Amino acid sequence: MEGASNGGMLYHEVQESKLCAVHCVNTVLQGPFFSELDLAALASDLDRKERQMMLGGAAETINDGLLSEESHNVSMDGDFSIQVLQRALEVWDLQVIPLKNPVAEPAQIDPELENAFICHLQDHWFCIRKVNGEWYNFDSLYAAPEHLSKFYLSAYLDTLKGFGWSIFLVRGNFPNECPITSSEASYGYGQWLSPEDAERITKSCNSVQRPPHRTDLTQHVSDPFLQYREADMLLDAEDEDLKAAIAASLMDSSPPIVVAEAGTSQNENKNSRDENA
């Protein structure tokens, strides 16, 4: 039997600016393999090739100055396209496949058989990854990776799909080891955690409050991204039966979650559980 990858450690990156695409790629690979400059270079190369295909060499010479100001692969605030993430992972012989693709049908039936998923909505990317046989949510808006049970994995993916998230399957030979070098320190936002440390940090955040930046991204109740965050808070309940009931209800067409009511309900439920404990 092979030993645990990276000595059993989990690699996690906490949100820095709007670099969630960088964090997503690195947590898929479980190491600080790419910086924002690396992805920007890939985006620039994709833009150049797209212009060549659309305009041809002569036309590009004339119009390049006009078209180069707009990129289809990276926005001014640093959000990268799925094509950039695909190119980055292709460097490691990994394929990124839309979950709706017929090739990914087995993953829709039994996601536990896979190793990684990339999730995207609006301008946020994060990955769900199997590490050492266990599933974790490596969302960079979280202080640490959150463990997902095998049951919860399927329900969680269905919940995301219900709220409009685009989900991509990642397949291939994932790196087993990532030497911890000075490059990690230069990025500044990467950290190695044991599963025990990750669980401790997650429980600490859940018992006090969610990190403030998780709700700062959106301000409108009608925003599906905010709905997902509110739903995610409800799905953190420890009772497995409650998780199943909530997941089932979220997959139905239900009215938008009201922030004030959702927050009040969650606090009341938590206080009730504490009193009964």
C-alpha atoms as a PDB file:
ATOM      1  CA  MET A   1       0.000   0.000   0.000  1.00  0.00           C
ATOM      2  CA  GLU A   2       1.291   3.445  -0.897  1.00  0.00           C
ATOM      3  CA  GLY A   3       1.960   5.924   1.869  1.00  0.00           C
ATOM      4  CA  ALA A   4      -0.181   8.992   2.373  1.00  0.00           C
ATOM      5  CA  SER A   5       0.541  11.777  -0.103  1.00  0.00           C
ATOM      6  CA  ASN A   6       2.502  14.740   1.270  1.00  0.00           C
ATOM      7  CA  GLY A   7       3.063  12.799   4.464  1.00  0.00           C
ATOM      8  CA  GLY A   8      -0.640  12.901   5.277  1.00  0.00           C
ATOM      9  CA  MET A   9      -0.774  16.720   5.240  1.00  0.00           C
ATOM     10  CA  LEU A  10      -3.447  18.861   3.570  1.00  0.00           C
ATOM     11  CA  TYR A  11      -2.472  21.885   1.476  1.00  0.00           C
ATOM     12  CA  HIS A  12      -4.853  24.831   1.792  1.00  0.00           C
ATOM     13  CA  GLU A  13      -4.798  28.434   0.599  1.00  0.00           C
ATOM     14  CA  VAL A  14      -6.835  31.169   2.253  1.00  0.00           C
ATOM     15  CA  GLN A  15      -8.359  33.825  -0.002  1.00  0.00           C
ATOM     16  CA  GLU A  16      -5.933  36.530  -1.108  1.00  0.00           C
ATOM     17  CA  SER A  17      -7.404  39.445  -3.070  1.00  0.00           C
ATOM     18  CA  LYS A  18      -9.417  37.841  -5.911  1.00  0.00           C
ATOM     19  CA  LEU A  19      -7.020  34.972  -6.543  1.00  0.00           C
ATOM     20  CA  CYS A  20      -9.499  32.159  -5.919  1.00  0.00           C
ATOM     21  CA  ALA A  21      -8.633  30.615  -9.318  1.00  0.00           C
ATOM     22  CA  VAL A  22      -4.987  30.336  -8.238  1.00  0.00           C
ATOM     23  CA  HIS A  23      -6.047  28.840  -4.911  1.00  0.00           C
ATOM     24  CA  CYS A  24      -8.358  26.415  -6.700  1.00  0.00           C
ATOM     25  CA  VAL A  25      -5.653  25.119  -9.059  1.00  0.00           C
ATOM     26  CA  ASN A  26      -3.112  24.740  -6.255  1.00  0.00           C
ATOM     27  CA  THR A  27      -5.479  22.874  -3.959  1.00  0.00           C
ATOM     28  CA  VAL A  28      -6.406  20.532  -6.803  1.00  0.00           C
ATOM     29  CA  LEU A  29      -2.682  19.812  -7.166  1.00  0.00           C
ATOM     30  CA  GLN A  30      -2.155  19.926  -3.376  1.00  0.00           C
ATOM     31  CA  GLY A  31       0.833  22.222  -3.464  1.00  0.00           C
ATOM     32  CA  PRO A  32       1.936  25.773  -4.382  1.00  0.00           C
ATOM     33  CA  PHE A  33       2.525  24.955  -8.051  1.00  0.00           C
ATOM     34  CA  PHE A  34       1.158  28.170  -9.613  1.00  0.00           C
ATOM     35  CA  SER A  35       1.188  31.886  -8.824  1.00  0.00           C
ATOM     36  CA  GLU A  36      -1.079  34.591 -10.224  1.00  0.00           C
ATOM     37  CA  LEU A  37       1.718  35.526 -12.644  1.00  0.00           C
ATOM     38  CA  ASP A  38       1.775  31.972 -14.001  1.00  0.00           C
ATOM     39  CA  LEU A  39      -1.964  32.013 -14.678  1.00  0.00           C
ATOM     40  CA  ALA A  40      -1.750  35.509 -16.159  1.00  0.00           C
ATOM     41  CA  ALA A  41       0.892  34.263 -18.598  1.00  0.00           C
ATOM     42  CA  LEU A  42      -1.369  31.380 -19.628  1.00  0.00           C
ATOM     43  CA  ALA A  43      -4.264  33.805 -20.085  1.00  0.00           C
ATOM     44  CA  SER A  44      -2.128  36.080 -22.262  1.00  0.00           C
ATOM     45  CA  ASP A  45      -1.044  33.153 -24.413  1.00  0.00           C
ATOM     46  CA  LEU A  46      -4.655  32.027 -24.843  1.00  0.00           C
ATOM     47  CA  ASP A  47      -5.705  35.571 -25.810  1.00  0.00           C
ATOM     48  CA  ARG A  48      -2.950  35.752 -28.407  1.00  0.00           C
ATOM     49  CA  LYS A  49      -3.905  32.425 -29.968  1.00  0.00           C
ATOM     50  CA  GLU A  50      -7.581  33.347 -30.001  1.00  0.00           C
ATOM     51  CA  ARG A  51      -6.815  36.593 -31.847  1.00  0.00           C
ATOM     52  CA  GLN A  52      -4.702  34.706 -34.353  1.00  0.00           C
ATOM     53  CA  MET A  53      -7.540  32.276 -35.025  1.00  0.00           C
ATOM     54  CA  MET A  54     -10.167  35.006 -35.338  1.00  0.00           C
ATOM     55  CA  LEU A  55      -8.251  37.564 -37.351  1.00  0.00           C
ATOM     56  CA  GLY A  56      -5.330  35.841 -39.016  1.00  0.00           C
ATOM     57  CA  GLY A  57      -1.786  37.153 -39.048  1.00  0.00           C
ATOM     58  CA  ALA A  58      -2.271  40.229 -41.261  1.00  0.00           C
ATOM     59  CA  ALA A  59      -5.464  41.398 -39.595  1.00  0.00           C
ATOM     60  CA  GLU A  60      -3.942  40.911 -36.170  1.00  0.00           C
ATOM     61  CA  THR A  61      -1.039  43.201 -37.071  1.00  0.00           C
ATOM     62  CA  ILE A  62      -3.533  45.961 -37.883  1.00  0.00           C
ATOM     63  CA  ASN A  63      -6.004  45.424 -35.068  1.00  0.00           C
ATOM     64  CA  ASP A  64      -3.855  44.037 -32.271  1.00  0.00           C
ATOM     65  CA  GLY A  65      -3.566  47.404 -30.582  1.00  0.00           C
ATOM     66  CA  LEU A  66      -7.336  47.719 -30.469  1.00  0.00           C
ATOM     67  CA  LEU A  67      -8.107  44.188 -29.299  1.00  0.00           C
ATOM     68  CA  SER A  68      -5.260  43.641 -26.833  1.00  0.00           C
ATOM     69  CA  GLU A  69      -6.921  45.885 -24.251  1.00  0.00           C
ATOM     70  CA  GLU A  70      -9.661  43.307 -23.678  1.00  0.00           C
ATOM     71  CA  SER A  71      -8.941  39.791 -22.490  1.00  0.00           C
ATOM     72  CA  HIS A  72     -11.434  36.954 -22.613  1.00  0.00           C
ATOM     73  CA  ASN A  73      -9.381  34.861 -20.189  1.00  0.00           C
ATOM     74  CA  VAL A  74      -8.616  37.206 -17.311  1.00  0.00           C
ATOM     75  CA  SER A  75     -10.615  40.183 -16.063  1.00  0.00           C
ATOM     76  CA  MET A  76      -9.161  43.443 -14.799  1.00  0.00           C
ATOM     77  CA  ASP A  77      -9.807  42.368 -11.209  1.00  0.00           C
ATOM     78  CA  GLY A  78      -8.000  39.036 -11.661  1.00  0.00           C
ATOM     79  CA  ASP A  79     -10.758  36.514 -12.353  1.00  0.00           C
ATOM     80  CA  PHE A  80      -9.559  33.772 -14.720  1.00  0.00           C
ATOM     81  CA  SER A  81     -11.557  31.737 -17.239  1.00  0.00           C
ATOM     82  CA  ILE A  82     -12.066  27.979 -17.093  1.00  0.00           C
ATOM     83  CA  GLN A  83      -9.770  27.732 -20.142  1.00  0.00           C
ATOM     84  CA  VAL A  84      -6.896  29.107 -18.051  1.00  0.00           C
ATOM     85  CA  LEU A  85      -7.538  26.590 -15.282  1.00  0.00           C
ATOM     86  CA  GLN A  86      -7.684  23.826 -17.878  1.00  0.00           C
ATOM     87  CA  ARG A  87      -4.351  24.862 -19.382  1.00  0.00           C
ATOM     88  CA  ALA A  88      -2.713  25.025 -15.963  1.00  0.00           C
ATOM     89  CA  LEU A  89      -3.868  21.528 -15.031  1.00  0.00           C
ATOM     90  CA  GLU A  90      -2.976  20.152 -18.454  1.00  0.00           C
ATOM     91  CA  VAL A  91       0.642  20.890 -17.544  1.00  0.00           C
ATOM     92  CA  TRP A  92       0.232  18.029 -15.042  1.00  0.00           C
ATOM     93  CA  ASP A  93      -1.651  15.796 -17.509  1.00  0.00           C
ATOM     94  CA  LEU A  94      -4.966  16.431 -15.796  1.00  0.00           C
ATOM     95  CA  GLN A  95      -8.218  16.783 -17.719  1.00  0.00           C
ATOM     96  CA  VAL A  96     -10.993  19.193 -16.749  1.00  0.00           C
ATOM     97  CA  ILE A  97     -14.387  17.881 -17.897  1.00  0.00           C
ATOM     98  CA  PRO A  98     -17.791  19.560 -17.422  1.00  0.00           C
ATOM     99  CA  LEU A  99     -19.871  17.373 -15.145  1.00  0.00           C
ATOM    100  CA  LYS A 100     -22.715  17.554 -17.687  1.00  0.00           C
ATOM    101  CA  ASN A 101     -20.487  15.918 -20.308  1.00  0.00           C
ATOM    102  CA  PRO A 102     -21.541  12.303 -21.068  1.00  0.00           C
ATOM    103  CA  VAL A 103     -17.949  11.251 -20.348  1.00  0.00           C
ATOM    104  CA  ALA A 104     -18.491  12.355 -16.742  1.00  0.00           C
ATOM    105  CA  GLU A 105     -21.704  10.365 -16.270  1.00  0.00           C
ATOM    106  CA  PRO A 106     -20.117   7.875 -13.819  1.00  0.00           C
ATOM    107  CA  ALA A 107     -19.113  10.829 -11.626  1.00  0.00           C
ATOM    108  CA  GLN A 108     -22.707  12.028 -11.541  1.00  0.00           C
ATOM    109  CA  ILE A 109     -23.861   8.614 -10.359  1.00  0.00           C
ATOM    110  CA  ASP A 110     -21.087   7.980  -7.830  1.00  0.00           C
ATOM    111  CA  PRO A 111     -18.790  10.991  -7.241  1.00  0.00           C
ATOM    112  CA  GLU A 112     -16.920   9.047  -4.559  1.00  0.00           C
ATOM    113  CA  LEU A 113     -15.104   7.136  -7.319  1.00  0.00           C
ATOM    114  CA  GLU A 114     -13.426  10.345  -8.521  1.00  0.00           C
ATOM    115  CA  ASN A 115     -10.615  12.440  -7.046  1.00  0.00           C
ATOM    116  CA  ALA A 116     -11.431  16.116  -7.586  1.00  0.00           C
ATOM    117  CA  PHE A 117     -14.098  18.585  -8.658  1.00  0.00           C
ATOM    118  CA  ILE A 118     -13.827  22.268  -9.551  1.00  0.00           C
ATOM    119  CA  CYS A 119     -16.785  24.492  -8.723  1.00  0.00           C
ATOM    120  CA  HIS A 120     -17.534  27.948 -10.161  1.00  0.00           C
ATOM    121  CA  LEU A 121     -20.206  30.599  -9.751  1.00  0.00           C
ATOM    122  CA  GLN A 122     -19.912  34.226 -10.855  1.00  0.00           C
ATOM    123  CA  ASP A 123     -16.332  35.149  -9.963  1.00  0.00           C
ATOM    124  CA  HIS A 124     -15.507  32.466  -7.394  1.00  0.00           C
ATOM    125  CA  TRP A 125     -13.650  29.170  -7.866  1.00  0.00           C
ATOM    126  CA  PHE A 126     -12.948  26.413  -5.369  1.00  0.00           C
ATOM    127  CA  CYS A 127     -12.155  22.711  -5.429  1.00  0.00           C
ATOM    128  CA  ILE A 128     -13.457  19.634  -3.671  1.00  0.00           C
ATOM    129  CA  ARG A 129     -10.669  17.093  -3.436  1.00  0.00           C
ATOM    130  CA  LYS A 130     -10.050  13.584  -2.167  1.00  0.00           C
ATOM    131  CA  VAL A 131      -6.807  13.441  -0.172  1.00  0.00           C
ATOM    132  CA  ASN A 132      -5.569  10.235   1.425  1.00  0.00           C
ATOM    133  CA  GLY A 133      -8.960   8.599   0.873  1.00  0.00           C
ATOM    134  CA  GLU A 134     -10.996  11.399   2.490  1.00  0.00           C
ATOM    135  CA  TRP A 135     -12.942  14.234   0.839  1.00  0.00           C
ATOM    136  CA  TYR A 136     -12.400  17.890   1.715  1.00  0.00           C
ATOM    137  CA  ASN A 137     -13.838  21.221   0.644  1.00  0.00           C
ATOM    138  CA  PHE A 138     -10.819  23.436  -0.090  1.00  0.00           C
ATOM    139  CA  ASP A 139     -12.802  26.658  -0.538  1.00  0.00           C
ATOM    140  CA  SER A 140     -10.308  29.503  -0.042  1.00  0.00           C
ATOM    141  CA  LEU A 141     -13.001  31.459   1.835  1.00  0.00           C
ATOM    142  CA  TYR A 142     -12.677  28.901   4.636  1.00  0.00           C
ATOM    143  CA  ALA A 143      -9.948  29.077   7.261  1.00  0.00           C
ATOM    144  CA  ALA A 144      -9.154  25.386   6.741  1.00  0.00           C
ATOM    145  CA  PRO A 145     -10.266  22.443   4.568  1.00  0.00           C
ATOM    146  CA  GLU A 146     -13.660  21.105   5.643  1.00  0.00           C
ATOM    147  CA  HIS A 147     -14.079  17.349   5.740  1.00  0.00           C
ATOM    148  CA  LEU A 148     -16.965  15.907   3.709  1.00  0.00           C
ATOM    149  CA  SER A 149     -18.394  12.488   4.439  1.00  0.00           C
ATOM    150  CA  LYS A 150     -19.089  10.176   1.507  1.00  0.00           C
ATOM    151  CA  PHE A 151     -22.819  10.717   1.990  1.00  0.00           C
ATOM    152  CA  TYR A 152     -22.418  14.481   2.265  1.00  0.00           C
ATOM    153  CA  LEU A 153     -20.255  14.677  -0.886  1.00  0.00           C
ATOM    154  CA  SER A 154     -23.096  13.648  -3.196  1.00  0.00           C
ATOM    155  CA  ALA A 155     -25.667  15.827  -1.414  1.00  0.00           C
ATOM    156  CA  TYR A 156     -23.289  18.788  -1.417  1.00  0.00           C
ATOM    157  CA  LEU A 157     -22.633  18.549  -5.173  1.00  0.00           C
ATOM    158  CA  ASP A 158     -26.365  18.276  -5.843  1.00  0.00           C
ATOM    159  CA  THR A 159     -26.937  21.362  -3.691  1.00  0.00           C
ATOM    160  CA  LEU A 160     -24.360  23.353  -5.632  1.00  0.00           C
ATOM    161  CA  LYS A 161     -25.884  22.302  -8.954  1.00  0.00           C
ATOM    162  CA  GLY A 162     -29.301  23.325  -7.679  1.00  0.00           C
ATOM    163  CA  PHE A 163     -28.032  26.837  -6.981  1.00  0.00           C
ATOM    164  CA  GLY A 164     -26.512  27.238 -10.425  1.00  0.00           C
ATOM    165  CA  TRP A 165     -22.869  26.380  -9.789  1.00  0.00           C
ATOM    166  CA  SER A 166     -20.871  25.043 -12.736  1.00  0.00           C
ATOM    167  CA  ILE A 167     -19.052  21.866 -11.729  1.00  0.00           C
ATOM    168  CA  PHE A 168     -16.111  20.301 -13.523  1.00  0.00           C
ATOM    169  CA  LEU A 169     -14.582  16.893 -12.995  1.00  0.00           C
ATOM    170  CA  VAL A 170     -10.777  16.631 -12.828  1.00  0.00           C
ATOM    171  CA  ARG A 171      -9.222  13.350 -13.954  1.00  0.00           C
ATOM    172  CA  GLY A 172      -5.667  12.145 -14.439  1.00  0.00           C
ATOM    173  CA  ASN A 173      -2.552  11.298 -12.477  1.00  0.00           C
ATOM    174  CA  PHE A 174      -2.436  13.729  -9.570  1.00  0.00           C
ATOM    175  CA  PRO A 175       0.932  14.636  -8.015  1.00  0.00           C
ATOM    176  CA  ASN A 176       1.553  12.513  -4.935  1.00  0.00           C
ATOM    177  CA  GLU A 177       4.194  14.693  -3.378  1.00  0.00           C
ATOM    178  CA  CYS A 178       4.983  18.399  -3.345  1.00  0.00           C
ATOM    179  CA  PRO A 179       8.337  19.320  -1.783  1.00  0.00           C
ATOM    180  CA  ILE A 180       7.892  22.203   0.639  1.00  0.00           C
ATOM    181  CA  THR A 181      10.279  24.827  -0.754  1.00  0.00           C
ATOM    182  CA  SER A 182      10.879  28.534  -0.471  1.00  0.00           C
ATOM    183  CA  SER A 183       8.409  29.081  -3.317  1.00  0.00           C
ATOM    184  CA  GLU A 184       5.591  28.333  -0.896  1.00  0.00           C
ATOM    185  CA  ALA A 185       6.713  31.102   1.414  1.00  0.00           C
ATOM    186  CA  SER A 186       6.910  33.550  -1.470  1.00  0.00           C
ATOM    187  CA  TYR A 187       3.222  33.065  -2.282  1.00  0.00           C
ATOM    188  CA  GLY A 188       2.264  33.894   1.287  1.00  0.00           C
ATOM    189  CA  TYR A 189      -1.211  32.323   1.318  1.00  0.00           C
ATOM    190  CA  GLY A 190      -0.434  28.588   1.401  1.00  0.00           C
ATOM    191  CA  GLN A 191      -0.348  26.417   4.502  1.00  0.00           C
ATOM    192  CA  TRP A 192       0.098  22.738   5.322  1.00  0.00           C
ATOM    193  CA  LEU A 193      -2.306  21.309   7.886  1.00  0.00           C
ATOM    194  CA  SER A 194      -2.770  17.897   9.410  1.00  0.00           C
ATOM    195  CA  PRO A 195      -6.336  16.545   9.188  1.00  0.00           C
ATOM    196  CA  GLU A 196      -6.571  16.999  12.954  1.00  0.00           C
ATOM    197  CA  ASP A 197      -5.523  20.653  12.762  1.00  0.00           C
ATOM    198  CA  ALA A 198      -7.957  21.273   9.913  1.00  0.00           C
ATOM    199  CA  GLU A 199     -10.796  19.738  11.937  1.00  0.00           C
ATOM    200  CA  ARG A 200      -9.861  21.781  15.010  1.00  0.00           C
ATOM    201  CA  ILE A 201      -9.795  25.061  13.039  1.00  0.00           C
ATOM    202  CA  THR A 202     -13.088  24.253  11.311  1.00  0.00           C
ATOM    203  CA  LYS A 203     -14.827  23.431  14.592  1.00  0.00           C
ATOM    204  CA  SER A 204     -13.441  26.593  16.159  1.00  0.00           C
ATOM    205  CA  CYS A 205     -14.772  28.740  13.304  1.00  0.00           C
ATOM    206  CA  ASN A 206     -18.149  27.019  13.347  1.00  0.00           C
ATOM    207  CA  SER A 207     -18.575  27.345  17.099  1.00  0.00           C
ATOM    208  CA  VAL A 208     -17.805  31.064  17.122  1.00  0.00           C
ATOM    209  CA  GLN A 209     -18.817  32.341  13.695  1.00  0.00           C
ATOM    210  CA  ARG A 210     -18.024  31.911  10.047  1.00  0.00           C
ATOM    211  CA  PRO A 211     -15.134  34.021   8.751  1.00  0.00           C
ATOM    212  CA  PRO A 212     -16.581  37.486   7.946  1.00  0.00           C
ATOM    213  CA  HIS A 213     -15.281  37.488   4.376  1.00  0.00           C
ATOM    214  CA  ARG A 214     -17.499  34.534   3.493  1.00  0.00           C
ATOM    215  CA  THR A 215     -20.568  36.798   3.546  1.00  0.00           C
ATOM    216  CA  ASP A 216     -18.912  40.012   2.383  1.00  0.00           C
ATOM    217  CA  LEU A 217     -18.783  38.897  -1.241  1.00  0.00           C
ATOM    218  CA  THR A 218     -22.475  39.449  -1.926  1.00  0.00           C
ATOM    219  CA  GLN A 219     -25.072  41.828  -0.573  1.00  0.00           C
ATOM    220  CA  HIS A 220     -28.335  40.768  -2.228  1.00  0.00           C
ATOM    221  CA  VAL A 221     -30.600  37.970  -1.036  1.00  0.00           C
ATOM    222  CA  SER A 222     -31.515  37.097  -4.623  1.00  0.00           C
ATOM    223  CA  ASP A 223     -27.873  36.355  -5.431  1.00  0.00           C
ATOM    224  CA  PRO A 224     -27.420  32.546  -5.767  1.00  0.00           C
ATOM    225  CA  PHE A 225     -23.896  32.848  -4.369  1.00  0.00           C
ATOM    226  CA  LEU A 226     -25.288  34.245  -1.121  1.00  0.00           C
ATOM    227  CA  GLN A 227     -28.000  31.595  -1.148  1.00  0.00           C
ATOM    228  CA  TYR A 228     -25.302  28.944  -1.344  1.00  0.00           C
ATOM    229  CA  ARG A 229     -23.442  30.447   1.614  1.00  0.00           C
ATOM    230  CA  GLU A 230     -26.619  30.519   3.694  1.00  0.00           C
ATOM    231  CA  ALA A 231     -27.468  26.966   2.657  1.00  0.00           C
ATOM    232  CA  ASP A 232     -23.931  25.889   3.488  1.00  0.00           C
ATOM    233  CA  MET A 233     -24.287  27.279   7.003  1.00  0.00           C
ATOM    234  CA  LEU A 234     -27.467  25.264   7.488  1.00  0.00           C
ATOM    235  CA  LEU A 235     -25.845  22.121   6.084  1.00  0.00           C
ATOM    236  CA  ASP A 236     -23.107  22.313   8.736  1.00  0.00           C
ATOM    237  CA  ALA A 237     -25.482  20.794  11.314  1.00  0.00           C
ATOM    238  CA  GLU A 238     -23.962  17.726  12.944  1.00  0.00           C
ATOM    239  CA  ASP A 239     -27.073  15.540  12.756  1.00  0.00           C
ATOM    240  CA  GLU A 240     -26.763  13.349   9.636  1.00  0.00           C
ATOM    241  CA  ASP A 241     -30.543  13.017   9.338  1.00  0.00           C
ATOM    242  CA  LEU A 242     -30.882  16.787   9.392  1.00  0.00           C
ATOM    243  CA  LYS A 243     -28.231  17.040   6.662  1.00  0.00           C
ATOM    244  CA  ALA A 244     -30.210  14.622   4.489  1.00  0.00           C
ATOM    245  CA  ALA A 245     -33.464  16.522   5.016  1.00  0.00           C
ATOM    246  CA  ILE A 246     -31.905  19.892   4.224  1.00  0.00           C
ATOM    247  CA  ALA A 247     -30.087  18.553   1.164  1.00  0.00           C
ATOM    248  CA  ALA A 248     -33.317  17.035  -0.137  1.00  0.00           C
ATOM    249  CA  SER A 249     -35.228  20.266   0.370  1.00  0.00           C
ATOM    250  CA  LEU A 250     -32.541  22.316  -1.342  1.00  0.00           C
ATOM    251  CA  MET A 251     -32.767  20.143  -4.435  1.00  0.00           C
ATOM    252  CA  ASP A 252     -36.432  21.108  -4.752  1.00  0.00           C
ATOM    253  CA  SER A 253     -37.475  24.497  -6.078  1.00  0.00           C
ATOM    254  CA  SER A 254     -37.667  26.459  -2.839  1.00  0.00           C
ATOM    255  CA  PRO A 255     -38.062  30.232  -2.283  1.00  0.00           C
ATOM    256  CA  PRO A 256     -34.926  32.355  -1.770  1.00  0.00           C
ATOM    257  CA  ILE A 257     -33.356  32.287   1.668  1.00  0.00           C
ATOM    258  CA  VAL A 258     -33.814  35.497   3.661  1.00  0.00           C
ATOM    259  CA  VAL A 259     -30.563  36.400   5.386  1.00  0.00           C
ATOM    260  CA  ALA A 260     -32.026  37.693   8.638  1.00  0.00           C
ATOM    261  CA  GLU A 261     -34.451  34.801   9.022  1.00  0.00           C
ATOM    262  CA  ALA A 262     -31.835  32.197   8.077  1.00  0.00           C
ATOM    263  CA  GLY A 263     -29.351  33.585  10.563  1.00  0.00           C
ATOM    264  CA  THR A 264     -31.971  33.762  13.331  1.00  0.00           C
ATOM    265  CA  SER A 265     -33.152  30.249  12.640  1.00  0.00           C
ATOM    266  CA  GLN A 266     -29.630  28.870  12.710  1.00  0.00           C
ATOM    267  CA  ASN A 267     -28.827  30.563  16.039  1.00  0.00           C
ATOM    268  CA  GLU A 268     -32.079  29.390  17.591  1.00  0.00           C
ATOM    269  CA  ASN A 269     -31.452  25.832  16.416  1.00  0.00           C
ATOM    270  CA  LYS A 270     -27.887  25.917  17.748  1.00  0.00           C
ATOM    271  CA  ASN A 271     -29.038  27.273  21.134  1.00  0.00           C
ATOM    272  CA  SER A 272     -31.719  24.607  21.283  1.00  0.00           C
ATOM    273  CA  ARG A 273     -29.160  21.856  20.570  1.00  0.00           C
ATOM    274  CA  ASP A 274     -26.812  23.321  23.213  1.00  0.00           C
ATOM    275  CA  GLU A 275     -29.590  23.290  25.831  1.00  0.00           C
ATOM    276  CA  ASN A 276     -30.502  19.706  25.014  1.00  0.00           C
ATOM    277  CA  ALA A 277     -26.879  18.554  25.073  1.00  0.00           C
END
